[in-house]
Amino acid sequence: MTDWKRIITTSDFSEDQIGDLQALVFTDPTVSISRSHTSFEKGVPTQITFTYSANVGDDTFISGQILNNTTTVEEDNVGISGVHITTGILSSVRRKYKAIFTEQGTKTSTLLTSTATTPQYVGVSEDETFDNSTYVNINSELDKFLSTSNFIQSNNAPGNNLANSTIGFPAVNQYIYFISKNDNLVVYDQTNLPMNMTTEFAQTTISVKLANGTDQTMYQYRSVKTKDFSTETGGEIGYKLASA
């Protein structure tokens, strides 16, 4: 049977009652905000663009604000839509959009964060340490790894430098390096066997330069001895750095 709906007429309700029913059908306003980058490299001056908007529904927009937390206003008297730009950002930045409406009062968007990610490094080098390394030097010797995760994992590896497989480090009389933002981690070989963190790999607290020249405390995981995998099949051995 065909579905159908009957229109309410004055035979059902009076004119005033119909008007009251129509007033009950009200679409609430909504607000939203988005960002141009979810994360970026710490120490690299970055521009983050936050785009905000309000859908007034059946309400009336009064005013808006951009906040960086619950109450602190970054930009006042913003409109029903637009962009809020932060330039030269070196560390994490967060914003949300608050709008005031005639009927529904205050509506606030989700607080969004663009996270400054500390660069981590992995690779092989003849250098005995990267303590006090310049940004240019460490980036020329090792592969940079940008991630918001707590440690370097095989499934997030840059290229073939880190893998839980026979693909790994093509070391030729070089040290194997992981430089992480986290301490007390463990190096595993391609068979998931943990390495002895005293006799095979050693952890050292070091300081390296970020892109803007500021010092960053890092944790260096280096093979105790240089490695030569040139006689191995394929010339590479796999390692990964992870929590114990």
Protein backbone atom coordinates (compact mmCIF):
# COMPACT_ATOMS: atom_id res chain seq x y z
CA MET A 1 0.00 0.00 0.00
CA THR A 2 1.29 3.45 -0.88
CA ASP A 3 2.44 5.58 2.07
CA TRP A 4 0.91 9.04 2.29
CA LYS A 5 0.71 11.96 4.66
CA ARG A 6 -2.27 14.22 5.19
CA ILE A 7 -1.80 18.00 5.45
CA ILE A 8 -3.04 19.54 8.68
CA THR A 9 -5.88 21.94 7.98
CA THR A 10 -8.20 24.17 9.95
CA SER A 11 -10.57 21.24 10.14
CA ASP A 12 -8.04 19.66 12.54
CA PHE A 13 -6.75 22.72 14.41
CA SER A 14 -7.43 26.39 14.59
CA GLU A 15 -5.19 28.90 12.79
CA ASP A 16 -3.52 29.83 16.07
CA GLN A 17 -2.90 26.16 16.95
CA ILE A 18 -1.33 25.52 13.56
CA GLY A 19 0.98 28.50 14.13
CA ASP A 20 1.99 27.10 17.52
CA LEU A 21 2.78 23.71 15.96
CA GLN A 22 4.92 25.35 13.29
CA ALA A 23 6.87 27.17 16.01
CA LEU A 24 7.78 23.81 17.55
CA VAL A 25 9.55 22.73 14.35
CA PHE A 26 12.95 24.40 14.97
CA THR A 27 16.35 23.49 13.51
CA ASP A 28 19.11 24.10 16.04
CA PRO A 29 22.24 26.00 14.95
CA THR A 30 25.58 24.19 14.70
CA VAL A 31 29.21 25.34 14.65
CA SER A 32 32.36 23.71 13.28
CA ILE A 33 36.08 24.30 12.86
CA SER A 34 38.83 22.60 10.83
CA ARG A 35 42.61 23.02 10.54
CA SER A 36 45.05 22.96 7.65
CA HIS A 37 47.59 20.67 9.38
CA THR A 38 46.95 18.05 12.03
CA SER A 39 50.68 18.04 12.84
CA PHE A 40 53.94 19.67 11.77
CA GLU A 41 57.64 19.48 12.61
CA LYS A 42 58.57 21.12 15.88
CA GLY A 43 61.03 23.97 15.33
CA VAL A 44 59.95 24.64 11.75
CA PRO A 45 57.99 27.92 11.52
CA THR A 46 54.57 26.89 10.26
CA GLN A 47 51.35 28.61 9.30
CA ILE A 48 48.17 26.92 10.55
CA THR A 49 44.84 28.01 9.09
CA PHE A 50 41.71 27.31 11.12
CA THR A 51 38.48 27.51 9.10
CA TYR A 52 35.28 28.06 11.09
CA SER A 53 31.61 28.32 10.25
CA ALA A 54 28.13 28.31 11.75
CA ASN A 55 24.92 26.89 10.36
CA VAL A 56 22.23 29.06 11.93
CA GLY A 57 19.35 26.69 11.21
CA ASP A 58 16.19 28.52 12.30
CA ASP A 59 18.10 30.70 14.79
CA THR A 60 19.81 34.08 14.43
CA PHE A 61 23.59 34.56 14.71
CA ILE A 62 24.75 37.29 17.14
CA SER A 63 28.56 37.05 17.47
CA GLY A 64 31.51 34.68 17.44
CA GLN A 65 34.93 34.17 19.03
CA ILE A 66 38.03 32.03 18.47
CA LEU A 67 39.35 30.53 21.71
CA ASN A 68 42.57 28.62 22.47
CA ASN A 69 41.11 26.79 25.50
CA THR A 70 37.96 27.03 27.59
CA THR A 71 37.93 30.79 28.13
CA THR A 72 40.96 32.52 26.56
CA VAL A 73 39.95 34.55 23.50
CA GLU A 74 42.39 34.64 20.56
CA GLU A 75 40.14 36.58 18.19
CA ASP A 76 36.96 38.45 19.10
CA ASN A 77 33.90 39.53 17.11
CA VAL A 78 34.41 37.05 14.28
CA GLY A 79 31.65 36.42 11.82
CA ILE A 80 29.44 33.53 10.92
CA SER A 81 32.29 31.99 8.88
CA GLY A 82 35.91 32.74 8.05
CA VAL A 83 39.53 31.81 8.72
CA HIS A 84 41.81 32.33 11.69
CA ILE A 85 45.51 32.18 10.75
CA THR A 86 48.48 31.55 13.04
CA THR A 87 51.90 32.21 11.51
CA GLY A 88 55.43 31.27 12.53
CA ILE A 89 54.17 28.62 14.93
CA LEU A 90 56.95 26.50 16.48
CA SER A 91 54.97 24.45 19.00
CA SER A 92 51.49 22.93 19.24
CA VAL A 93 48.54 25.26 18.70
CA ARG A 94 44.84 24.68 19.41
CA ARG A 95 41.68 26.60 18.63
CA LYS A 96 37.88 26.31 18.85
CA TYR A 97 34.99 28.40 17.60
CA LYS A 98 32.29 29.81 19.91
CA ALA A 99 29.15 31.46 18.55
CA ILE A 100 26.17 33.06 20.28
CA PHE A 101 22.63 32.78 18.90
CA THR A 102 19.37 34.49 19.79
CA GLU A 103 17.36 31.42 20.77
CA GLN A 104 19.90 28.70 21.55
CA GLY A 105 22.55 30.83 23.25
CA THR A 106 26.19 29.67 23.10
CA LYS A 107 27.39 26.87 20.82
CA THR A 108 31.05 25.77 20.89
CA SER A 109 32.95 23.59 18.43
CA THR A 110 35.42 20.85 19.26
CA LEU A 111 38.84 22.06 20.40
CA LEU A 112 41.25 21.18 17.56
CA THR A 113 45.01 20.85 17.98
CA SER A 114 47.75 21.08 15.40
CA THR A 115 50.54 19.11 17.06
CA ALA A 116 54.20 20.05 16.87
CA THR A 117 55.99 16.74 16.35
CA THR A 118 59.58 16.31 17.52
CA PRO A 119 61.65 14.82 14.66
CA GLN A 120 63.14 11.40 15.34
CA TYR A 121 65.92 9.75 13.36
CA VAL A 122 67.02 6.33 12.21
CA GLY A 123 69.85 5.00 10.06
CA VAL A 124 73.56 4.20 9.98
CA SER A 125 76.57 6.45 10.40
CA GLU A 126 80.30 6.39 11.10
CA ASP A 127 79.79 9.17 13.67
CA GLU A 128 80.28 7.99 17.24
CA THR A 129 77.50 10.22 18.62
CA PHE A 130 75.02 12.88 17.59
CA ASP A 131 75.20 14.74 20.87
CA ASN A 132 75.22 18.50 20.17
CA SER A 133 74.59 17.79 16.50
CA THR A 134 73.39 20.59 14.26
CA TYR A 135 70.11 20.20 12.42
CA VAL A 136 71.90 20.12 9.07
CA ASN A 137 74.33 17.43 10.18
CA ILE A 138 71.85 15.01 11.71
CA ASN A 139 69.53 15.34 8.71
CA SER A 140 72.38 14.65 6.31
CA GLU A 141 73.51 11.54 8.17
CA LEU A 142 70.22 9.92 9.23
CA ASP A 143 66.66 9.69 7.95
CA LYS A 144 64.11 11.90 9.67
CA PHE A 145 61.02 10.25 11.08
CA LEU A 146 57.96 12.39 11.89
CA SER A 147 55.20 10.76 13.86
CA THR A 148 52.96 11.54 16.80
CA SER A 149 53.44 8.00 18.12
CA ASN A 150 55.50 7.43 21.26
CA PHE A 151 58.26 5.41 19.63
CA ILE A 152 59.57 4.30 16.26
CA GLN A 153 57.81 1.21 14.96
CA SER A 154 58.46 -1.00 11.97
CA ASN A 155 55.12 -0.29 10.33
CA ASN A 156 55.81 3.46 10.41
CA ALA A 157 59.37 3.21 9.13
CA PRO A 158 60.84 5.70 6.68
CA GLY A 159 61.80 3.85 3.50
CA ASN A 160 63.79 0.66 4.04
CA ASN A 161 65.88 1.92 6.95
CA LEU A 162 63.74 0.27 9.59
CA ALA A 163 61.79 -2.92 9.15
CA ASN A 164 60.77 -6.04 10.99
CA SER A 165 62.05 -8.13 8.08
CA THR A 166 65.25 -8.89 6.16
CA ILE A 167 65.08 -5.33 4.83
CA GLY A 168 66.88 -3.04 7.20
CA PHE A 169 70.21 -1.33 7.67
CA PRO A 170 72.84 -1.55 4.90
CA ALA A 171 75.65 -0.93 7.36
CA VAL A 172 79.28 -1.17 6.27
CA ASN A 173 81.52 -0.55 9.28
CA GLN A 174 78.93 1.86 10.64
CA TYR A 175 76.92 2.26 13.81
CA ILE A 176 73.18 1.64 13.78
CA TYR A 177 71.23 4.56 15.17
CA PHE A 178 67.80 5.32 16.54
CA ILE A 179 67.31 8.81 17.99
CA SER A 180 63.98 9.05 19.74
CA LYS A 181 62.02 11.52 21.83
CA ASN A 182 61.32 8.69 24.30
CA ASP A 183 63.64 6.97 26.74
CA ASN A 184 63.85 3.41 28.08
CA LEU A 185 63.00 1.74 24.78
CA VAL A 186 64.37 -1.53 23.40
CA VAL A 187 65.90 -2.41 20.03
CA TYR A 188 64.60 -5.64 18.46
CA ASP A 189 66.05 -7.55 15.54
CA GLN A 190 64.11 -8.81 12.53
CA THR A 191 63.01 -11.92 14.41
CA ASN A 192 61.56 -9.77 17.24
CA LEU A 193 64.42 -10.79 19.53
CA PRO A 194 65.21 -7.99 22.01
CA MET A 195 68.78 -6.78 21.93
CA ASN A 196 70.82 -6.52 25.12
CA MET A 197 70.67 -2.80 25.89
CA THR A 198 74.10 -2.87 27.51
CA THR A 199 76.31 -5.08 25.37
CA GLU A 200 74.61 -4.76 21.95
CA PHE A 201 72.89 -1.36 22.00
CA ALA A 202 73.24 1.49 24.45
CA GLN A 203 70.98 4.40 25.35
CA THR A 204 72.44 7.89 25.87
CA THR A 205 70.72 11.19 26.61
CA ILE A 206 71.79 13.77 24.05
CA SER A 207 70.90 17.27 22.87
CA VAL A 208 70.34 18.09 19.20
CA LYS A 209 69.35 21.26 17.39
CA LEU A 210 65.90 21.71 15.89
CA ALA A 211 65.40 23.58 12.64
CA ASN A 212 65.16 26.94 14.40
CA GLY A 213 68.36 26.33 16.38
CA THR A 214 66.78 25.54 19.74
CA ASP A 215 68.08 22.62 21.80
CA GLN A 216 66.03 19.45 22.05
CA THR A 217 66.72 16.66 24.53
CA MET A 218 66.66 13.29 22.77
CA TYR A 219 67.53 9.67 23.51
CA GLN A 220 70.18 8.06 21.36
CA TYR A 221 70.10 4.28 20.84
CA ARG A 222 73.31 3.19 19.13
CA SER A 223 74.86 -0.18 18.45
CA VAL A 224 77.81 -0.65 20.81
CA LYS A 225 80.02 -1.73 17.92
CA THR A 226 80.07 -0.83 14.26
CA LYS A 227 78.29 -3.29 11.97
CA ASP A 228 79.30 -4.71 8.62
CA PHE A 229 76.44 -6.44 6.84
CA SER A 230 78.13 -6.49 3.45
CA THR A 231 78.58 -10.26 3.74
CA GLU A 232 74.92 -10.85 4.66
CA THR A 233 72.30 -11.84 2.10
CA GLY A 234 71.14 -8.62 0.53
CA GLY A 235 73.60 -6.68 2.66
CA GLU A 236 70.97 -5.59 5.18
CA ILE A 237 69.66 -6.62 8.60
CA GLY A 238 66.37 -5.41 10.07
CA TYR A 239 65.90 -3.71 13.42
CA LYS A 240 63.15 -1.77 15.13
CA LEU A 241 62.81 0.39 18.23
CA ALA A 242 59.81 -0.12 20.48
CA SER A 243 58.63 -0.20 24.06
CA ALA A 244 59.79 -3.13 26.16
